[in-house]
Protein backbone atom coordinates (compact mmCIF):
# COMPACT_ATOMS: atom_id res chain seq x y z
CA MET A 1 2.36 49.08 -13.45
CA ASN A 2 3.27 49.10 -9.78
CA THR A 3 6.92 48.54 -8.93
CA PRO A 4 7.28 45.26 -7.04
CA VAL A 5 8.70 45.28 -3.53
CA LEU A 6 12.30 44.12 -3.69
CA ASN A 7 14.93 43.41 -1.09
CA GLU A 8 16.40 46.48 0.59
CA HIS A 9 19.56 47.89 -0.91
CA ASN A 10 22.09 49.43 1.46
CA LYS A 11 24.20 51.38 -1.03
CA THR A 12 23.80 54.01 -3.70
CA GLU A 13 26.18 53.26 -6.55
CA TYR A 14 27.62 55.73 -9.02
CA PRO A 15 25.50 54.71 -12.04
CA PRO A 16 28.20 55.02 -14.76
CA MET A 17 30.70 52.90 -12.81
CA HIS A 18 28.10 50.34 -11.79
CA THR A 19 26.94 49.94 -15.39
CA ALA A 20 30.56 49.62 -16.53
CA GLU A 21 30.92 46.78 -14.01
CA HIS A 22 28.08 44.93 -15.75
CA ILE A 23 29.86 45.29 -19.09
CA LEU A 24 33.19 44.21 -17.58
CA ASN A 25 31.55 41.15 -16.01
CA GLN A 26 30.03 40.04 -19.32
CA THR A 27 33.31 40.66 -21.11
CA MET A 28 35.16 38.46 -18.62
CA ILE A 29 32.51 35.74 -19.00
CA ARG A 30 32.81 35.81 -22.79
CA MET A 31 36.60 35.97 -22.92
CA PHE A 32 37.54 33.61 -20.08
CA GLY A 33 34.42 31.54 -19.34
CA CYS A 34 34.53 32.61 -15.69
CA PRO A 35 31.59 33.61 -13.51
CA ARG A 36 30.69 37.25 -12.76
CA SER A 37 32.96 38.95 -10.23
CA LYS A 38 33.03 37.25 -6.85
CA ASN A 39 33.95 40.38 -4.95
CA ALA A 40 33.38 43.89 -6.23
CA HIS A 41 34.01 47.30 -4.71
CA ILE A 42 32.42 49.91 -6.96
CA GLU A 43 33.12 53.58 -6.28
CA ARG A 44 33.02 56.84 -8.24
CA LYS A 45 36.80 57.39 -8.61
CA LYS A 46 38.05 53.82 -8.99
CA SER A 47 36.69 50.33 -8.55
CA LYS A 48 37.84 46.74 -8.33
CA CYS A 49 36.45 43.33 -9.21
CA ASP A 50 37.80 39.85 -8.50
CA TYR A 51 37.47 36.99 -10.96
CA LEU A 52 38.25 33.31 -10.49
CA LEU A 53 40.54 32.16 -13.31
CA PRO A 54 42.73 29.06 -13.67
CA GLU A 55 45.68 31.15 -14.90
CA ALA A 56 46.76 34.76 -15.19
CA PRO A 57 45.65 36.55 -18.35
CA THR A 58 48.36 37.92 -20.62
CA ASP A 59 48.91 41.65 -21.10
CA ALA A 60 47.43 41.25 -24.58
CA GLN A 61 44.28 39.63 -23.15
CA LEU A 62 43.90 42.43 -20.59
CA ALA A 63 44.28 45.02 -23.35
CA GLU A 64 41.54 43.16 -25.23
CA VAL A 65 39.29 43.32 -22.14
CA GLU A 66 39.73 47.11 -22.02
CA ARG A 67 39.18 47.45 -25.77
CA THR A 68 36.04 45.29 -25.70
CA VAL A 69 34.48 47.13 -22.74
CA ASN A 70 35.06 50.45 -24.52
CA GLU A 71 33.66 49.05 -27.75
CA VAL A 72 30.46 48.01 -25.96
CA ILE A 73 30.19 51.42 -24.26
CA ALA A 74 30.61 53.12 -27.66
CA ARG A 75 27.64 51.16 -29.06
CA ARG A 76 25.34 53.54 -27.14
CA LEU A 77 23.26 50.64 -25.83
CA PRO A 78 20.09 51.26 -23.84
CA VAL A 79 20.13 50.09 -20.23
CA ALA A 80 16.72 48.84 -19.14
CA CYS A 81 15.16 47.11 -16.15
CA GLU A 82 12.37 44.59 -16.06
CA PHE A 83 10.74 42.63 -13.28
CA MET A 84 10.16 38.89 -13.34
CA SER A 85 9.94 35.84 -11.13
CA ARG A 86 13.08 34.03 -9.96
CA GLU A 87 11.93 31.01 -11.95
CA GLU A 88 11.70 33.01 -15.18
CA ALA A 89 15.01 34.83 -14.55
CA ALA A 90 16.84 31.57 -13.82
CA ARG A 91 16.35 30.55 -17.46
CA PHE A 92 18.88 33.13 -18.67
CA VAL A 93 20.77 34.74 -15.75
CA ASP A 94 23.05 33.32 -13.06
CA LEU A 95 21.31 33.66 -9.71
CA GLY A 96 24.22 32.25 -7.70
CA LYS A 97 25.15 35.56 -6.04
CA LEU A 98 21.67 36.38 -4.78
CA PRO A 99 21.09 36.55 -1.02
CA GLU A 100 19.53 33.48 0.56
CA HIS A 101 16.18 35.13 1.37
CA VAL A 102 15.70 37.14 -1.83
CA SER A 103 12.22 38.17 -2.92
CA ASP A 104 10.43 36.04 -5.51
CA THR A 105 10.33 39.00 -7.90
CA LEU A 106 13.69 40.03 -9.33
CA ARG A 107 14.81 43.14 -11.15
CA ILE A 108 16.74 42.20 -14.28
CA VAL A 109 19.04 44.85 -15.72
CA ARG A 110 19.84 44.56 -19.43
CA VAL A 111 22.68 46.41 -21.12
CA GLY A 112 21.36 46.27 -24.67
CA ASP A 113 21.89 42.81 -26.12
CA TYR A 114 25.23 42.44 -24.32
CA ASP A 115 24.40 41.63 -20.69
CA ALA A 116 21.53 40.74 -18.41
CA CYS A 117 21.67 40.08 -14.68
CA ALA A 118 19.65 40.37 -11.50
CA CYS A 119 20.54 43.69 -9.84
CA ILE A 120 18.87 46.29 -7.64
CA GLY A 121 21.57 48.96 -8.05
CA SER A 122 21.60 52.26 -9.93
CA HIS A 123 22.51 52.40 -13.62
CA VAL A 124 22.72 54.87 -16.49
CA ALA A 125 19.97 54.89 -19.12
CA ASN A 126 22.42 54.49 -22.02
CA THR A 127 26.05 53.37 -22.25
CA SER A 128 26.88 56.74 -23.86
CA GLU A 129 26.69 58.16 -20.30
CA ILE A 130 29.57 56.00 -18.99
CA GLY A 131 32.75 57.56 -20.38
CA ARG A 132 35.96 55.71 -21.23
CA PHE A 133 36.84 52.53 -19.28
CA LYS A 134 40.49 52.33 -18.20
CA LEU A 135 42.22 49.36 -16.56
CA LEU A 136 44.53 50.70 -13.85
CA HIS A 137 46.15 47.58 -12.44
CA CYS A 138 45.58 43.83 -12.51
CA ASP A 139 47.18 41.26 -10.28
CA TYR A 140 46.79 37.51 -10.13
CA ALA A 141 47.35 35.17 -7.18
CA ASP A 142 45.91 31.84 -6.07
CA GLY A 143 43.39 31.61 -8.90
CA ARG A 144 42.03 35.13 -8.38
CA LEU A 145 42.45 38.02 -10.79
CA ARG A 146 41.89 41.44 -9.19
CA VAL A 147 41.05 44.12 -11.75
CA ARG A 148 41.22 47.79 -10.74
CA PHE A 149 39.66 50.31 -13.11
CA LYS A 150 38.34 53.82 -13.48
CA LEU A 151 36.24 55.85 -15.88
CA GLU A 152 37.53 58.83 -17.81
CA GLU A 153 35.40 61.52 -19.38
CA ILE A 154 35.36 61.45 -23.13
């Protein structure tokens, strides 16, 4: 099968951190009912994501986020990509963050049975390649939770 032509991508992500972001996003969705991060800065050493929440999470909830992300990583889930039309993808993924003039064919990245989203970035092949997820600092102001995190080798 020929790989469809997708929109250009201007950044090469560190695959373990970028895949961890997918898991963090889905964890936040499941725990708090919020959308995927509105602003993310993903780097090799440390990263940050912003989430829109009506109130600040408790320390116990943040500890649960970290525990859940690590539990998903430990499941050794396959990370796979598939191509489909925007119409087909819209049935099960949020397309709200896509650029205005995105191609009709989208690349959907699945982290096992845990997460699926439209993404053109780099990812690991299996969550066993990620390492340990560690929350570094979280702050909340004006309805926005900023989560800073890193990955540690196991």
